[in-house]
N, C-alpha and C. Protein backbone atom coordinates (compact mmCIF):
# COMPACT_ATOMS: atom_id res chain seq x y z
N MET A 1 14.92 55.76 105.99
CA MET A 1 15.97 55.94 107.01
C MET A 1 15.38 56.71 108.18
N SER A 2 15.44 56.13 109.37
CA SER A 2 14.85 56.75 110.54
C SER A 2 15.87 57.65 111.25
N PRO A 3 15.36 58.56 112.14
CA PRO A 3 16.29 59.43 112.86
C PRO A 3 17.28 58.63 113.71
N GLY A 4 18.42 59.27 113.99
CA GLY A 4 19.39 58.65 114.87
C GLY A 4 20.59 58.15 114.13
N ARG A 5 21.44 57.39 114.80
CA ARG A 5 22.68 56.89 114.20
C ARG A 5 22.40 55.79 113.20
N GLN A 6 23.03 55.92 112.01
CA GLN A 6 22.81 54.96 110.95
C GLN A 6 24.10 54.20 110.68
N ALA A 7 24.04 53.23 109.78
CA ALA A 7 25.23 52.48 109.39
C ALA A 7 26.28 53.43 108.83
N GLY A 8 27.54 53.13 109.11
CA GLY A 8 28.62 53.95 108.63
C GLY A 8 28.86 55.20 109.45
N GLY A 9 28.25 55.27 110.61
CA GLY A 9 28.47 56.40 111.49
C GLY A 9 27.69 57.64 111.14
N ILE A 10 26.69 57.52 110.26
CA ILE A 10 25.84 58.66 109.87
C ILE A 10 24.83 58.93 110.96
N ILE A 11 24.67 60.18 111.33
CA ILE A 11 23.65 60.58 112.29
C ILE A 11 22.67 61.53 111.60
N ASP A 12 21.47 61.01 111.33
CA ASP A 12 20.41 61.80 110.73
C ASP A 12 19.59 62.40 111.87
N LYS A 13 19.91 63.61 112.25
CA LYS A 13 19.44 64.19 113.51
C LYS A 13 17.92 64.27 113.62
N GLY A 14 17.25 64.62 112.53
CA GLY A 14 15.79 64.76 112.59
C GLY A 14 15.07 63.93 111.56
N GLY A 15 15.74 62.95 110.99
CA GLY A 15 15.10 62.12 109.97
C GLY A 15 14.98 62.84 108.64
N ALA A 16 15.90 63.77 108.32
CA ALA A 16 15.82 64.56 107.10
C ALA A 16 15.89 63.72 105.83
N LEU A 17 16.65 62.61 105.91
CA LEU A 17 16.81 61.76 104.73
C LEU A 17 15.65 60.80 104.54
N ALA A 18 14.77 60.73 105.52
CA ALA A 18 13.66 59.76 105.48
C ALA A 18 12.37 60.40 104.97
N VAL A 19 12.39 61.71 104.73
CA VAL A 19 11.16 62.37 104.27
C VAL A 19 10.76 61.87 102.89
N GLU A 20 9.47 61.93 102.59
CA GLU A 20 8.99 61.54 101.27
C GLU A 20 9.37 62.60 100.25
N GLY A 21 9.58 62.16 99.02
CA GLY A 21 9.85 63.09 97.94
C GLY A 21 11.33 63.34 97.72
N PRO A 22 11.65 64.12 96.70
CA PRO A 22 13.05 64.37 96.35
C PRO A 22 13.76 65.25 97.38
N LEU A 23 15.07 65.14 97.40
CA LEU A 23 15.89 65.86 98.38
C LEU A 23 16.73 66.93 97.68
N LYS A 24 17.06 67.95 98.45
CA LYS A 24 18.10 68.91 98.09
C LYS A 24 19.18 68.83 99.16
N LEU A 25 20.43 68.68 98.73
CA LEU A 25 21.54 68.50 99.67
C LEU A 25 22.50 69.67 99.61
N ASP A 26 23.03 70.05 100.78
CA ASP A 26 24.16 70.96 100.87
C ASP A 26 25.30 70.17 101.49
N LEU A 27 26.26 69.79 100.65
CA LEU A 27 27.37 68.95 101.12
C LEU A 27 28.47 69.83 101.69
N GLY A 28 28.92 69.48 102.91
CA GLY A 28 29.94 70.29 103.57
C GLY A 28 29.40 71.63 103.97
N CYS A 29 28.21 71.65 104.53
CA CYS A 29 27.51 72.92 104.76
C CYS A 29 28.13 73.78 105.84
N GLY A 30 28.90 73.19 106.74
CA GLY A 30 29.48 73.98 107.84
C GLY A 30 28.40 74.45 108.81
N THR A 31 28.53 75.70 109.26
CA THR A 31 27.61 76.20 110.29
C THR A 31 26.28 76.69 109.72
N SER A 32 26.19 76.88 108.40
CA SER A 32 24.93 77.34 107.80
C SER A 32 24.75 76.68 106.44
N LYS A 33 23.51 76.30 106.12
CA LYS A 33 23.26 75.61 104.88
C LYS A 33 22.62 76.56 103.85
N ARG A 34 22.48 76.05 102.63
CA ARG A 34 22.02 76.83 101.48
C ARG A 34 20.67 77.48 101.70
N GLY A 35 19.77 76.75 102.34
CA GLY A 35 18.43 77.26 102.59
C GLY A 35 17.64 76.28 103.40
N PRO A 36 16.45 76.67 103.89
CA PRO A 36 15.67 75.79 104.76
C PRO A 36 15.18 74.52 104.06
N ASP A 37 15.13 74.53 102.73
CA ASP A 37 14.65 73.36 102.00
C ASP A 37 15.81 72.41 101.66
N PHE A 38 17.04 72.73 102.10
CA PHE A 38 18.17 71.88 101.86
C PHE A 38 18.48 71.05 103.12
N VAL A 39 19.01 69.85 102.87
CA VAL A 39 19.50 68.99 103.96
C VAL A 39 21.01 69.27 104.09
N GLY A 40 21.41 69.83 105.22
CA GLY A 40 22.80 70.14 105.46
C GLY A 40 23.57 68.90 105.89
N VAL A 41 24.65 68.60 105.19
CA VAL A 41 25.48 67.43 105.47
C VAL A 41 26.89 67.90 105.80
N ASP A 42 27.43 67.45 106.93
CA ASP A 42 28.81 67.78 107.29
C ASP A 42 29.35 66.74 108.24
N VAL A 43 30.64 66.54 108.21
CA VAL A 43 31.27 65.56 109.10
C VAL A 43 31.31 66.07 110.54
N LEU A 44 31.22 67.41 110.71
CA LEU A 44 31.17 68.01 112.05
C LEU A 44 29.78 68.57 112.31
N ASP A 45 29.25 68.33 113.49
CA ASP A 45 27.92 68.83 113.83
C ASP A 45 27.96 70.36 114.03
N GLY A 46 26.81 70.98 113.81
CA GLY A 46 26.67 72.41 113.97
C GLY A 46 25.24 72.83 113.75
N PRO A 47 24.93 74.11 113.91
CA PRO A 47 23.54 74.56 113.82
C PRO A 47 22.91 74.39 112.43
N GLY A 48 23.72 74.35 111.37
CA GLY A 48 23.15 74.17 110.05
C GLY A 48 23.20 72.74 109.55
N VAL A 49 23.64 71.82 110.38
CA VAL A 49 23.84 70.44 109.96
C VAL A 49 22.64 69.58 110.34
N ASP A 50 22.06 68.93 109.35
CA ASP A 50 20.95 68.00 109.57
C ASP A 50 21.44 66.55 109.66
N VAL A 51 22.47 66.25 108.87
CA VAL A 51 23.03 64.90 108.85
C VAL A 51 24.53 64.98 109.10
N VAL A 52 24.97 64.33 110.16
CA VAL A 52 26.38 64.32 110.51
C VAL A 52 27.01 63.05 109.95
N GLY A 53 28.04 63.22 109.12
CA GLY A 53 28.69 62.05 108.56
C GLY A 53 29.50 62.43 107.34
N ASP A 54 30.32 61.49 106.90
CA ASP A 54 31.11 61.68 105.68
C ASP A 54 30.16 61.77 104.50
N ALA A 55 30.41 62.74 103.60
CA ALA A 55 29.50 62.99 102.49
C ALA A 55 29.34 61.74 101.60
N LEU A 56 30.45 61.04 101.36
CA LEU A 56 30.36 59.83 100.52
C LEU A 56 29.50 58.79 101.16
N ASP A 57 29.63 58.59 102.48
CA ASP A 57 28.80 57.63 103.19
C ASP A 57 27.32 58.02 103.10
N VAL A 58 27.05 59.29 103.24
CA VAL A 58 25.65 59.75 103.17
C VAL A 58 25.08 59.50 101.77
N LEU A 59 25.83 59.84 100.73
CA LEU A 59 25.35 59.61 99.36
C LEU A 59 25.14 58.13 99.10
N ARG A 60 26.03 57.29 99.60
CA ARG A 60 25.91 55.84 99.38
C ARG A 60 24.70 55.26 100.09
N ALA A 61 24.21 55.94 101.11
CA ALA A 61 23.04 55.47 101.84
C ALA A 61 21.71 55.83 101.14
N LEU A 62 21.80 56.63 100.08
CA LEU A 62 20.60 57.08 99.38
C LEU A 62 20.28 56.17 98.20
N GLU A 63 18.98 56.12 97.87
CA GLU A 63 18.56 55.37 96.69
C GLU A 63 18.95 56.09 95.43
N ASP A 64 18.92 55.37 94.29
CA ASP A 64 19.17 55.98 93.01
C ASP A 64 18.16 57.12 92.74
N GLU A 65 18.63 58.17 92.11
CA GLU A 65 17.77 59.26 91.65
C GLU A 65 16.84 59.76 92.76
N ARG A 66 17.43 60.07 93.89
CA ARG A 66 16.70 60.55 95.06
C ARG A 66 16.81 62.06 95.24
N VAL A 67 17.75 62.67 94.52
CA VAL A 67 18.12 64.06 94.80
C VAL A 67 17.89 64.93 93.55
N VAL A 68 17.28 66.10 93.78
CA VAL A 68 17.02 67.03 92.65
C VAL A 68 18.07 68.13 92.56
N GLU A 69 18.76 68.41 93.66
CA GLU A 69 19.76 69.48 93.62
C GLU A 69 20.82 69.24 94.69
N VAL A 70 22.05 69.51 94.32
CA VAL A 70 23.17 69.46 95.26
C VAL A 70 23.93 70.77 95.17
N TYR A 71 24.16 71.36 96.32
CA TYR A 71 24.97 72.57 96.42
C TYR A 71 26.15 72.28 97.33
N SER A 72 27.31 72.81 96.96
CA SER A 72 28.49 72.59 97.81
C SER A 72 29.45 73.73 97.62
N ALA A 73 29.80 74.41 98.70
CA ALA A 73 30.75 75.54 98.66
C ALA A 73 31.96 75.22 99.52
N HIS A 74 33.10 75.20 98.88
CA HIS A 74 34.39 74.99 99.55
C HIS A 74 34.40 73.69 100.37
N PHE A 75 33.97 72.64 99.69
CA PHE A 75 34.02 71.28 100.25
C PHE A 75 34.79 70.31 99.35
N PHE A 76 34.58 70.39 98.03
CA PHE A 76 35.18 69.42 97.13
C PHE A 76 36.69 69.40 97.24
N GLU A 77 37.32 70.50 97.58
CA GLU A 77 38.79 70.53 97.69
C GLU A 77 39.30 69.72 98.88
N HIS A 78 38.38 69.33 99.79
CA HIS A 78 38.76 68.55 100.95
C HIS A 78 38.62 67.04 100.72
N VAL A 79 38.09 66.65 99.54
CA VAL A 79 37.76 65.26 99.28
C VAL A 79 38.96 64.49 98.73
N ASP A 80 39.21 63.31 99.30
CA ASP A 80 40.33 62.49 98.83
C ASP A 80 40.05 61.85 97.49
N ASP A 81 38.83 61.32 97.29
CA ASP A 81 38.50 60.56 96.07
C ASP A 81 37.43 61.30 95.31
N LEU A 82 37.82 62.24 94.45
CA LEU A 82 36.85 63.04 93.72
C LEU A 82 36.05 62.18 92.73
N SER A 83 36.70 61.21 92.11
CA SER A 83 35.99 60.34 91.15
C SER A 83 34.84 59.58 91.83
N ALA A 84 35.10 59.07 93.03
CA ALA A 84 34.06 58.34 93.76
C ALA A 84 32.90 59.27 94.12
N LEU A 85 33.22 60.50 94.50
CA LEU A 85 32.17 61.47 94.82
C LEU A 85 31.31 61.78 93.60
N ILE A 86 31.96 61.99 92.46
CA ILE A 86 31.20 62.25 91.23
C ILE A 86 30.34 61.07 90.86
N ASP A 87 30.88 59.85 91.00
CA ASP A 87 30.11 58.64 90.71
C ASP A 87 28.81 58.62 91.52
N GLU A 88 28.91 58.91 92.81
CA GLU A 88 27.73 58.86 93.67
C GLU A 88 26.75 60.00 93.35
N LEU A 89 27.27 61.15 93.02
CA LEU A 89 26.39 62.26 92.64
C LEU A 89 25.63 61.93 91.36
N GLU A 90 26.33 61.33 90.39
CA GLU A 90 25.65 60.91 89.16
C GLU A 90 24.53 59.92 89.47
N ARG A 91 24.77 59.05 90.41
CA ARG A 91 23.77 58.01 90.73
C ARG A 91 22.57 58.60 91.47
N VAL A 92 22.78 59.44 92.45
CA VAL A 92 21.64 59.89 93.29
C VAL A 92 20.86 61.04 92.68
N LEU A 93 21.45 61.78 91.75
CA LEU A 93 20.70 62.87 91.13
C LEU A 93 19.68 62.33 90.14
N VAL A 94 18.50 62.96 90.10
CA VAL A 94 17.52 62.64 89.08
C VAL A 94 18.00 63.18 87.75
N VAL A 95 17.50 62.68 86.65
CA VAL A 95 17.79 63.29 85.35
C VAL A 95 17.19 64.70 85.35
N GLY A 96 18.03 65.66 85.00
CA GLY A 96 17.63 67.06 85.12
C GLY A 96 18.02 67.68 86.44
N GLY A 97 18.54 66.85 87.38
CA GLY A 97 18.98 67.37 88.67
C GLY A 97 20.21 68.22 88.53
N ARG A 98 20.36 69.20 89.42
CA ARG A 98 21.43 70.19 89.26
C ARG A 98 22.50 70.03 90.34
N LEU A 99 23.73 70.31 89.94
CA LEU A 99 24.90 70.29 90.82
C LEU A 99 25.58 71.65 90.73
N HIS A 100 25.69 72.34 91.87
CA HIS A 100 26.31 73.66 91.94
C HIS A 100 27.48 73.56 92.90
N VAL A 101 28.68 73.78 92.39
CA VAL A 101 29.90 73.58 93.18
C VAL A 101 30.77 74.83 93.15
N ILE A 102 31.20 75.29 94.32
CA ILE A 102 32.13 76.41 94.44
C ILE A 102 33.39 75.88 95.12
N VAL A 103 34.55 76.15 94.50
CA VAL A 103 35.83 75.67 95.02
C VAL A 103 36.89 76.75 94.84
N PRO A 104 37.96 76.69 95.61
CA PRO A 104 39.05 77.66 95.38
C PRO A 104 39.74 77.41 94.05
N HIS A 105 40.13 78.49 93.40
CA HIS A 105 40.94 78.37 92.17
C HIS A 105 42.36 78.01 92.56
N PHE A 106 43.07 77.30 91.66
CA PHE A 106 44.43 76.87 91.98
C PHE A 106 45.38 78.02 92.24
N SER A 107 45.07 79.22 91.75
CA SER A 107 45.97 80.37 91.96
C SER A 107 45.68 81.12 93.26
N ASN A 108 44.63 80.73 93.96
CA ASN A 108 44.26 81.39 95.23
C ASN A 108 45.38 81.18 96.25
N PRO A 109 46.04 82.25 96.70
CA PRO A 109 47.18 82.07 97.61
C PRO A 109 46.76 81.49 98.96
N TYR A 110 45.50 81.65 99.33
CA TYR A 110 45.04 81.11 100.61
C TYR A 110 44.82 79.60 100.56
N TYR A 111 44.70 79.06 99.33
CA TYR A 111 44.44 77.63 99.19
C TYR A 111 45.49 76.81 99.92
N TYR A 112 46.74 77.18 99.77
CA TYR A 112 47.85 76.39 100.29
C TYR A 112 48.09 76.59 101.77
N SER A 113 47.38 77.54 102.40
CA SER A 113 47.50 77.72 103.84
C SER A 113 46.72 76.69 104.63
N ASP A 114 45.71 76.08 104.02
CA ASP A 114 44.84 75.15 104.73
C ASP A 114 45.35 73.72 104.59
N PRO A 115 45.84 73.13 105.66
CA PRO A 115 46.41 71.76 105.56
C PRO A 115 45.37 70.69 105.27
N THR A 116 44.07 71.01 105.34
CA THR A 116 43.05 70.00 105.05
C THR A 116 42.67 69.96 103.57
N HIS A 117 43.20 70.89 102.76
CA HIS A 117 42.93 70.87 101.33
C HIS A 117 43.67 69.73 100.64
N ARG A 118 42.98 69.01 99.80
CA ARG A 118 43.53 67.81 99.15
C ARG A 118 43.86 68.03 97.66
N ARG A 119 43.15 68.95 96.99
CA ARG A 119 43.36 69.12 95.56
C ARG A 119 42.99 70.52 95.12
N PRO A 120 43.76 71.08 94.17
CA PRO A 120 43.36 72.35 93.57
C PRO A 120 42.40 72.14 92.42
N PHE A 121 41.72 73.17 92.00
CA PHE A 121 40.77 73.12 90.89
C PHE A 121 41.10 74.22 89.89
N GLY A 122 40.90 73.90 88.62
CA GLY A 122 41.05 74.88 87.55
C GLY A 122 39.79 74.94 86.71
N LEU A 123 39.81 75.81 85.72
CA LEU A 123 38.63 76.04 84.89
C LEU A 123 38.15 74.74 84.23
N TYR A 124 39.07 73.83 83.91
CA TYR A 124 38.70 72.63 83.15
C TYR A 124 38.48 71.39 84.02
N THR A 125 38.58 71.50 85.33
CA THR A 125 38.55 70.29 86.17
C THR A 125 37.29 69.46 85.91
N PHE A 126 36.12 70.11 85.89
CA PHE A 126 34.91 69.32 85.71
C PHE A 126 34.70 68.86 84.28
N SER A 127 35.46 69.43 83.34
CA SER A 127 35.38 68.96 81.97
C SER A 127 35.92 67.54 81.83
N TYR A 128 36.74 67.09 82.79
CA TYR A 128 37.23 65.71 82.80
C TYR A 128 36.16 64.71 83.30
N PHE A 129 35.10 65.24 83.90
CA PHE A 129 34.06 64.39 84.47
C PHE A 129 32.71 64.55 83.81
N ALA A 130 32.57 65.49 82.89
CA ALA A 130 31.24 65.82 82.35
C ALA A 130 31.36 66.19 80.87
N ASP A 131 30.23 66.05 80.15
CA ASP A 131 30.16 66.62 78.83
C ASP A 131 30.32 68.15 78.97
N ASP A 132 31.08 68.74 78.06
CA ASP A 132 31.40 70.16 78.19
C ASP A 132 31.14 70.89 76.87
N PRO A 133 29.96 71.48 76.72
CA PRO A 133 29.68 72.30 75.55
C PRO A 133 30.03 73.77 75.75
N VAL A 134 30.64 74.10 76.89
CA VAL A 134 30.84 75.49 77.28
C VAL A 134 32.23 75.98 76.91
N LEU A 135 33.26 75.30 77.40
CA LEU A 135 34.64 75.74 77.19
C LEU A 135 35.17 75.26 75.84
N ARG A 136 36.11 76.00 75.28
CA ARG A 136 36.62 75.67 73.95
C ARG A 136 37.71 74.61 73.96
N ARG A 137 38.55 74.61 74.99
CA ARG A 137 39.62 73.62 75.07
C ARG A 137 39.03 72.25 75.38
N ARG A 138 39.45 71.23 74.63
CA ARG A 138 38.96 69.89 74.84
C ARG A 138 39.92 69.14 75.75
N VAL A 139 39.37 68.39 76.70
CA VAL A 139 40.19 67.54 77.57
C VAL A 139 39.59 66.14 77.58
N PRO A 140 40.39 65.11 77.87
CA PRO A 140 39.88 63.75 77.87
C PRO A 140 39.07 63.43 79.12
N THR A 141 38.20 62.44 79.01
CA THR A 141 37.46 61.94 80.18
C THR A 141 38.05 60.60 80.65
N TYR A 142 39.12 60.15 80.02
CA TYR A 142 39.86 58.93 80.42
C TYR A 142 38.95 57.71 80.58
N GLY A 143 38.11 57.53 79.56
CA GLY A 143 37.25 56.36 79.55
C GLY A 143 35.95 56.50 80.32
N ARG A 144 35.80 57.60 81.00
CA ARG A 144 34.57 57.83 81.75
C ARG A 144 33.41 58.08 80.78
N ASP A 145 32.22 57.59 81.12
CA ASP A 145 31.00 57.84 80.33
C ASP A 145 30.15 58.83 81.11
N PRO A 146 30.34 60.13 80.87
CA PRO A 146 29.73 61.14 81.75
C PRO A 146 28.21 61.14 81.70
N ARG A 147 27.63 61.35 82.86
CA ARG A 147 26.19 61.53 82.98
C ARG A 147 25.82 62.95 83.38
N LEU A 148 26.83 63.77 83.54
CA LEU A 148 26.65 65.18 83.85
C LEU A 148 27.04 66.03 82.65
N ARG A 149 26.46 67.21 82.56
CA ARG A 149 26.83 68.17 81.53
C ARG A 149 27.15 69.50 82.21
N LEU A 150 28.27 70.09 81.82
CA LEU A 150 28.64 71.40 82.34
C LEU A 150 27.73 72.46 81.72
N GLN A 151 27.12 73.27 82.59
CA GLN A 151 26.23 74.34 82.13
C GLN A 151 26.91 75.68 82.16
N ALA A 152 27.76 75.92 83.15
CA ALA A 152 28.43 77.20 83.28
C ALA A 152 29.65 77.06 84.17
N ALA A 153 30.67 77.87 83.91
CA ALA A 153 31.85 77.96 84.75
C ALA A 153 32.24 79.43 84.87
N ARG A 154 32.42 79.88 86.09
CA ARG A 154 32.70 81.30 86.31
C ARG A 154 33.90 81.44 87.22
N LEU A 155 34.81 82.34 86.89
CA LEU A 155 35.96 82.68 87.71
C LEU A 155 35.58 83.83 88.61
N VAL A 156 35.77 83.65 89.93
CA VAL A 156 35.37 84.65 90.92
C VAL A 156 36.62 85.30 91.47
N PHE A 157 36.71 86.63 91.33
CA PHE A 157 37.86 87.38 91.80
C PHE A 157 37.45 88.20 93.00
N ARG A 158 38.11 87.99 94.10
CA ARG A 158 37.92 88.81 95.28
C ARG A 158 39.09 88.61 96.22
N SER A 159 39.18 89.47 97.20
CA SER A 159 40.21 89.35 98.21
C SER A 159 39.52 89.17 99.56
N ALA A 160 40.30 88.93 100.58
CA ALA A 160 39.71 88.87 101.92
C ALA A 160 39.01 90.18 102.23
N ILE A 161 37.88 90.10 102.91
CA ILE A 161 37.05 91.28 103.14
C ILE A 161 37.80 92.35 103.91
N GLU A 162 38.85 91.99 104.63
CA GLU A 162 39.65 92.98 105.36
C GLU A 162 40.38 93.93 104.41
N PHE A 163 40.59 93.49 103.17
CA PHE A 163 41.32 94.31 102.20
C PHE A 163 40.32 94.87 101.18
N ARG A 164 39.61 95.91 101.59
CA ARG A 164 38.45 96.40 100.85
C ARG A 164 38.81 96.93 99.47
N ALA A 165 39.90 97.67 99.34
CA ALA A 165 40.28 98.24 98.04
C ALA A 165 40.59 97.12 97.05
N ARG A 166 41.37 96.12 97.51
CA ARG A 166 41.68 94.98 96.65
C ARG A 166 40.43 94.20 96.29
N TYR A 167 39.53 94.09 97.23
CA TYR A 167 38.27 93.36 97.02
C TYR A 167 37.49 93.97 95.86
N ARG A 168 37.37 95.32 95.86
CA ARG A 168 36.60 96.00 94.81
C ARG A 168 37.32 95.92 93.47
N ALA A 169 38.62 96.07 93.46
CA ALA A 169 39.39 96.01 92.22
C ALA A 169 39.29 94.63 91.56
N LYS A 170 39.38 93.58 92.38
CA LYS A 170 39.31 92.24 91.83
C LYS A 170 37.89 91.90 91.34
N ALA A 171 36.89 92.46 91.99
CA ALA A 171 35.51 92.24 91.51
C ALA A 171 35.34 92.83 90.13
N ALA A 172 35.95 93.99 89.87
CA ALA A 172 35.88 94.61 88.55
C ALA A 172 36.60 93.75 87.50
N LEU A 173 37.73 93.17 87.89
CA LEU A 173 38.47 92.28 86.99
C LEU A 173 37.62 91.06 86.64
N GLY A 174 36.92 90.52 87.63
CA GLY A 174 36.08 89.37 87.40
C GLY A 174 34.99 89.67 86.36
N TRP A 175 34.43 90.86 86.41
CA TRP A 175 33.41 91.26 85.44
C TRP A 175 33.97 91.19 84.02
N LEU A 176 35.22 91.66 83.86
CA LEU A 176 35.84 91.64 82.54
C LEU A 176 36.16 90.23 82.09
N VAL A 177 36.74 89.42 82.97
CA VAL A 177 37.17 88.07 82.58
C VAL A 177 35.98 87.20 82.23
N ASN A 178 34.87 87.35 82.91
CA ASN A 178 33.71 86.46 82.70
C ASN A 178 32.79 86.95 81.59
N ARG A 179 33.20 87.98 80.85
CA ARG A 179 32.36 88.44 79.74
C ARG A 179 32.33 87.46 78.58
N SER A 180 33.36 86.59 78.47
CA SER A 180 33.39 85.61 77.39
C SER A 180 34.21 84.41 77.81
N VAL A 181 33.95 83.27 77.18
CA VAL A 181 34.75 82.08 77.42
C VAL A 181 36.18 82.32 76.97
N TRP A 182 36.35 83.04 75.84
CA TRP A 182 37.71 83.36 75.35
C TRP A 182 38.51 84.07 76.45
N ALA A 183 37.89 85.07 77.11
CA ALA A 183 38.57 85.81 78.16
C ALA A 183 38.89 84.93 79.34
N GLN A 184 37.97 84.04 79.71
CA GLN A 184 38.22 83.13 80.83
C GLN A 184 39.43 82.22 80.53
N GLU A 185 39.45 81.64 79.35
CA GLU A 185 40.53 80.72 78.99
C GLU A 185 41.86 81.47 78.82
N PHE A 186 41.80 82.67 78.27
CA PHE A 186 43.03 83.47 78.13
C PHE A 186 43.58 83.83 79.50
N TYR A 187 42.71 84.22 80.42
CA TYR A 187 43.16 84.55 81.78
C TYR A 187 43.87 83.36 82.42
N GLU A 188 43.22 82.18 82.40
CA GLU A 188 43.81 81.06 83.14
C GLU A 188 45.13 80.59 82.52
N GLU A 189 45.23 80.67 81.20
CA GLU A 189 46.46 80.24 80.55
C GLU A 189 47.61 81.24 80.75
N ASN A 190 47.29 82.54 80.76
CA ASN A 190 48.34 83.54 80.68
C ASN A 190 48.49 84.47 81.87
N LEU A 191 47.42 84.62 82.67
CA LEU A 191 47.44 85.69 83.69
C LEU A 191 47.26 85.18 85.12
N ALA A 192 46.94 83.92 85.29
CA ALA A 192 46.64 83.42 86.65
C ALA A 192 47.85 83.56 87.58
N GLY A 193 49.05 83.49 87.05
CA GLY A 193 50.23 83.64 87.87
C GLY A 193 50.53 85.08 88.24
N ILE A 194 49.85 86.02 87.59
CA ILE A 194 50.08 87.45 87.84
C ILE A 194 49.01 88.02 88.76
N VAL A 195 47.75 87.76 88.42
CA VAL A 195 46.62 88.22 89.23
C VAL A 195 45.83 86.98 89.67
N PRO A 196 45.98 86.51 90.90
CA PRO A 196 45.30 85.28 91.32
C PRO A 196 43.78 85.39 91.31
N CYS A 197 43.14 84.28 91.03
CA CYS A 197 41.69 84.18 91.12
C CYS A 197 41.33 83.56 92.46
N TYR A 198 40.20 83.95 93.03
CA TYR A 198 39.83 83.47 94.35
C TYR A 198 39.16 82.11 94.30
N GLU A 199 38.12 81.96 93.47
CA GLU A 199 37.39 80.71 93.44
C GLU A 199 36.73 80.51 92.10
N LEU A 200 36.23 79.29 91.90
CA LEU A 200 35.49 78.90 90.71
C LEU A 200 34.07 78.51 91.08
N ASP A 201 33.14 78.85 90.20
CA ASP A 201 31.73 78.56 90.42
C ASP A 201 31.22 77.74 89.23
N PHE A 202 30.90 76.46 89.47
CA PHE A 202 30.48 75.54 88.41
C PHE A 202 29.00 75.19 88.58
N GLU A 203 28.32 75.08 87.45
CA GLU A 203 26.94 74.58 87.42
C GLU A 203 26.86 73.43 86.42
N LEU A 204 26.32 72.29 86.88
CA LEU A 204 26.19 71.12 86.04
C LEU A 204 24.78 70.55 86.17
N VAL A 205 24.39 69.74 85.20
CA VAL A 205 23.09 69.09 85.23
C VAL A 205 23.26 67.63 84.85
N LYS A 206 22.49 66.74 85.44
CA LYS A 206 22.51 65.35 85.07
C LYS A 206 21.62 65.17 83.83
N VAL A 207 22.19 64.56 82.79
CA VAL A 207 21.49 64.48 81.51
C VAL A 207 20.97 63.08 81.21
N ARG A 208 21.47 62.07 81.94
CA ARG A 208 20.96 60.72 81.68
C ARG A 208 21.31 59.78 82.84
């Protein structure tokens, strides 16, 4: 893929997708990307964006098993078709490739303020799309044959930085909740409506 405008309205500003070797992607990178070795992808141009375009279109433009790592922070909740996105990630990741996703928790009160948010996420959301040896509660995959495996799921507690006392108190709560899977599952089932969680941090790996 050469620099410039590509099919589907993708603009690869510097030919980042055409380089030899495996890629690392930051999907929905916004104004800053994960690191200099990542290709920043966003529908809006900015200083951290290497490829301007819809994330699904960008993934569909890549060959099979072209990517070794995908990072995405606060992007998946904006996606209309999560199943299609997971399908493409399974395809473009190499076996052993890693997927790191951060999304708002469904109890986050700020989640509902953003009119561009399409879906909430809970502790078990990725268990519907991946093999899950981590969490104790079993959920169906609805006929899906997963190629990803859940490696870790973490509940992140914090408040807006303007509220410093609440920020520190919630960080301490997060330390307690994430000490065990039992505590994580107990919190989400029984306490999420009392003390909201800010976000979820998922790590997955492609296994086949």
